[in-house]
Amino acid sequence: MTPQEQRIRHIKAWQAGGLSQAAYCRDHGLNSKTFGNWLRGYRDVGKCNQRTSLIPVTIKTTV
């Protein structure tokens, strides 16, 4: 398993577990700041992979 896969595995386990980040890191011997960096990178990648869509808007003026 690559380091990236291990990070993702930890992130998913934390999300499913219901613990705070600090508690999860303490229980798994992880540095909480490092975990926060992993999470930020994971979320940033997710944002890049999201599809965007346009919503039609009608602007009415009042006189």
N, C-alpha and C. Protein backbone atom coordinates (compact mmCIF):
# COMPACT_ATOMS: atom_id res chain seq x y z
N MET A 1 0.85 -1.18 0.00
CA MET A 1 0.00 0.00 0.00
C MET A 1 0.89 1.24 0.00
N THR A 2 0.58 2.19 -0.88
CA THR A 2 1.39 3.41 -0.97
C THR A 2 1.08 4.34 0.20
N PRO A 3 1.98 5.27 0.48
CA PRO A 3 1.70 6.23 1.56
C PRO A 3 0.40 7.01 1.32
N GLN A 4 0.13 7.37 0.08
CA GLN A 4 -1.11 8.08 -0.24
C GLN A 4 -2.34 7.23 0.09
N GLU A 5 -2.28 5.96 -0.24
CA GLU A 5 -3.38 5.04 0.06
C GLU A 5 -3.56 4.89 1.57
N GLN A 6 -2.47 4.87 2.32
CA GLN A 6 -2.55 4.79 3.78
C GLN A 6 -3.21 6.03 4.36
N ARG A 7 -2.86 7.20 3.80
CA ARG A 7 -3.47 8.44 4.27
C ARG A 7 -4.97 8.43 4.04
N ILE A 8 -5.36 8.03 2.84
CA ILE A 8 -6.79 7.99 2.51
C ILE A 8 -7.51 6.99 3.40
N ARG A 9 -6.87 5.88 3.67
CA ARG A 9 -7.47 4.87 4.56
C ARG A 9 -7.71 5.45 5.95
N HIS A 10 -6.73 6.20 6.47
CA HIS A 10 -6.89 6.85 7.78
C HIS A 10 -8.02 7.88 7.74
N ILE A 11 -8.07 8.67 6.69
CA ILE A 11 -9.10 9.71 6.58
C ILE A 11 -10.49 9.07 6.56
N LYS A 12 -10.66 8.03 5.77
CA LYS A 12 -11.96 7.37 5.68
C LYS A 12 -12.33 6.69 7.00
N ALA A 13 -11.35 6.12 7.67
CA ALA A 13 -11.61 5.49 8.97
C ALA A 13 -12.03 6.55 9.99
N TRP A 14 -11.36 7.70 9.97
CA TRP A 14 -11.72 8.79 10.88
C TRP A 14 -13.14 9.27 10.60
N GLN A 15 -13.49 9.45 9.30
CA GLN A 15 -14.82 9.92 8.93
C GLN A 15 -15.90 8.95 9.39
N ALA A 16 -15.63 7.67 9.30
CA ALA A 16 -16.62 6.64 9.66
C ALA A 16 -16.69 6.41 11.17
N GLY A 17 -15.65 6.80 11.89
CA GLY A 17 -15.56 6.43 13.29
C GLY A 17 -16.26 7.32 14.29
N GLY A 18 -16.50 8.57 13.98
CA GLY A 18 -17.19 9.45 14.90
C GLY A 18 -16.31 10.11 15.95
N LEU A 19 -15.00 9.94 15.88
CA LEU A 19 -14.09 10.59 16.82
C LEU A 19 -13.69 11.96 16.30
N SER A 20 -13.24 12.82 17.20
CA SER A 20 -12.65 14.08 16.76
C SER A 20 -11.32 13.76 16.08
N GLN A 21 -10.81 14.70 15.32
CA GLN A 21 -9.51 14.49 14.68
C GLN A 21 -8.44 14.23 15.72
N ALA A 22 -8.46 15.02 16.78
CA ALA A 22 -7.44 14.88 17.83
C ALA A 22 -7.49 13.49 18.47
N ALA A 23 -8.70 13.02 18.78
CA ALA A 23 -8.85 11.70 19.41
C ALA A 23 -8.40 10.59 18.45
N TYR A 24 -8.78 10.69 17.19
CA TYR A 24 -8.37 9.67 16.21
C TYR A 24 -6.85 9.63 16.11
N CYS A 25 -6.24 10.80 16.01
CA CYS A 25 -4.77 10.86 15.89
C CYS A 25 -4.10 10.29 17.13
N ARG A 26 -4.62 10.62 18.29
CA ARG A 26 -4.05 10.11 19.55
C ARG A 26 -4.14 8.58 19.58
N ASP A 27 -5.30 8.04 19.19
CA ASP A 27 -5.51 6.59 19.21
C ASP A 27 -4.64 5.84 18.20
N HIS A 28 -4.25 6.53 17.12
CA HIS A 28 -3.49 5.87 16.06
C HIS A 28 -2.04 6.34 15.96
N GLY A 29 -1.60 7.12 16.93
CA GLY A 29 -0.22 7.57 16.97
C GLY A 29 0.16 8.50 15.83
N LEU A 30 -0.80 9.33 15.42
CA LEU A 30 -0.55 10.27 14.32
C LEU A 30 -0.42 11.69 14.87
N ASN A 31 0.37 12.50 14.20
CA ASN A 31 0.48 13.90 14.54
C ASN A 31 -0.77 14.59 14.00
N SER A 32 -1.48 15.33 14.85
CA SER A 32 -2.76 15.93 14.44
C SER A 32 -2.58 17.00 13.37
N LYS A 33 -1.48 17.73 13.40
CA LYS A 33 -1.24 18.74 12.36
C LYS A 33 -0.96 18.06 11.02
N THR A 34 -0.22 16.99 11.04
CA THR A 34 0.04 16.24 9.81
C THR A 34 -1.26 15.67 9.26
N PHE A 35 -2.08 15.12 10.14
CA PHE A 35 -3.37 14.58 9.71
C PHE A 35 -4.22 15.69 9.09
N GLY A 36 -4.21 16.87 9.68
CA GLY A 36 -4.95 18.00 9.14
C GLY A 36 -4.48 18.37 7.74
N ASN A 37 -3.18 18.28 7.51
CA ASN A 37 -2.63 18.55 6.18
C ASN A 37 -3.10 17.48 5.19
N TRP A 38 -3.10 16.23 5.61
CA TRP A 38 -3.59 15.16 4.74
C TRP A 38 -5.04 15.41 4.36
N LEU A 39 -5.83 15.78 5.36
CA LEU A 39 -7.26 16.00 5.15
C LEU A 39 -7.49 17.18 4.19
N ARG A 40 -6.74 18.25 4.38
CA ARG A 40 -6.87 19.41 3.49
C ARG A 40 -6.54 19.02 2.06
N GLY A 41 -5.47 18.27 1.86
CA GLY A 41 -5.10 17.82 0.52
C GLY A 41 -6.15 16.90 -0.07
N TYR A 42 -6.70 16.02 0.75
CA TYR A 42 -7.75 15.10 0.31
C TYR A 42 -8.99 15.87 -0.14
N ARG A 43 -9.37 16.87 0.63
CA ARG A 43 -10.55 17.67 0.29
C ARG A 43 -10.29 18.53 -0.95
N ASP A 44 -9.09 19.06 -1.08
CA ASP A 44 -8.75 19.87 -2.26
C ASP A 44 -8.84 19.04 -3.53
N VAL A 45 -8.37 17.81 -3.49
CA VAL A 45 -8.47 16.92 -4.65
C VAL A 45 -9.93 16.65 -4.96
N GLY A 46 -10.73 16.45 -3.94
CA GLY A 46 -12.16 16.21 -4.14
C GLY A 46 -12.84 17.40 -4.80
N LYS A 47 -12.44 18.61 -4.42
CA LYS A 47 -13.02 19.81 -5.02
C LYS A 47 -12.67 19.91 -6.50
N CYS A 48 -11.45 19.51 -6.84
CA CYS A 48 -11.03 19.57 -8.24
C CYS A 48 -11.79 18.55 -9.09
N ASN A 49 -12.22 17.47 -8.49
CA ASN A 49 -12.91 16.42 -9.23
C ASN A 49 -14.43 16.61 -9.30
N GLN A 50 -14.94 17.62 -8.62
CA GLN A 50 -16.38 17.85 -8.64
C GLN A 50 -16.79 18.47 -9.97
N ARG A 51 -17.93 18.05 -10.45
CA ARG A 51 -18.48 18.62 -11.66
C ARG A 51 -19.17 19.93 -11.31
N THR A 52 -19.06 20.88 -12.19
CA THR A 52 -19.75 22.13 -11.98
C THR A 52 -20.97 22.18 -12.88
N SER A 53 -21.92 22.95 -12.50
CA SER A 53 -23.11 23.10 -13.33
C SER A 53 -23.56 24.56 -13.28
N LEU A 54 -24.28 24.94 -14.30
CA LEU A 54 -24.79 26.29 -14.37
C LEU A 54 -26.27 26.28 -14.02
N ILE A 55 -26.69 27.32 -13.36
CA ILE A 55 -28.09 27.45 -12.98
C ILE A 55 -28.64 28.68 -13.68
N PRO A 56 -29.73 28.52 -14.42
CA PRO A 56 -30.27 29.70 -15.11
C PRO A 56 -30.83 30.71 -14.10
N VAL A 57 -30.58 31.98 -14.40
CA VAL A 57 -31.02 33.05 -13.52
C VAL A 57 -31.75 34.10 -14.37
N THR A 58 -32.88 34.55 -13.88
CA THR A 58 -33.61 35.62 -14.54
C THR A 58 -33.58 36.84 -13.63
N ILE A 59 -33.17 37.96 -14.20
CA ILE A 59 -33.08 39.19 -13.43
C ILE A 59 -34.20 40.10 -13.90
N LYS A 60 -35.03 40.49 -12.97
CA LYS A 60 -36.13 41.40 -13.29
C LYS A 60 -35.80 42.76 -12.70
N THR A 61 -36.00 43.78 -13.50
CA THR A 61 -35.77 45.13 -13.01
C THR A 61 -37.10 45.77 -12.65
N THR A 62 -37.07 46.62 -11.68
CA THR A 62 -38.27 47.34 -11.29
C THR A 62 -38.06 48.81 -11.61
N VAL A 63 -39.09 49.44 -12.10
CA VAL A 63 -39.00 50.85 -12.47
C VAL A 63 -39.94 51.66 -11.66
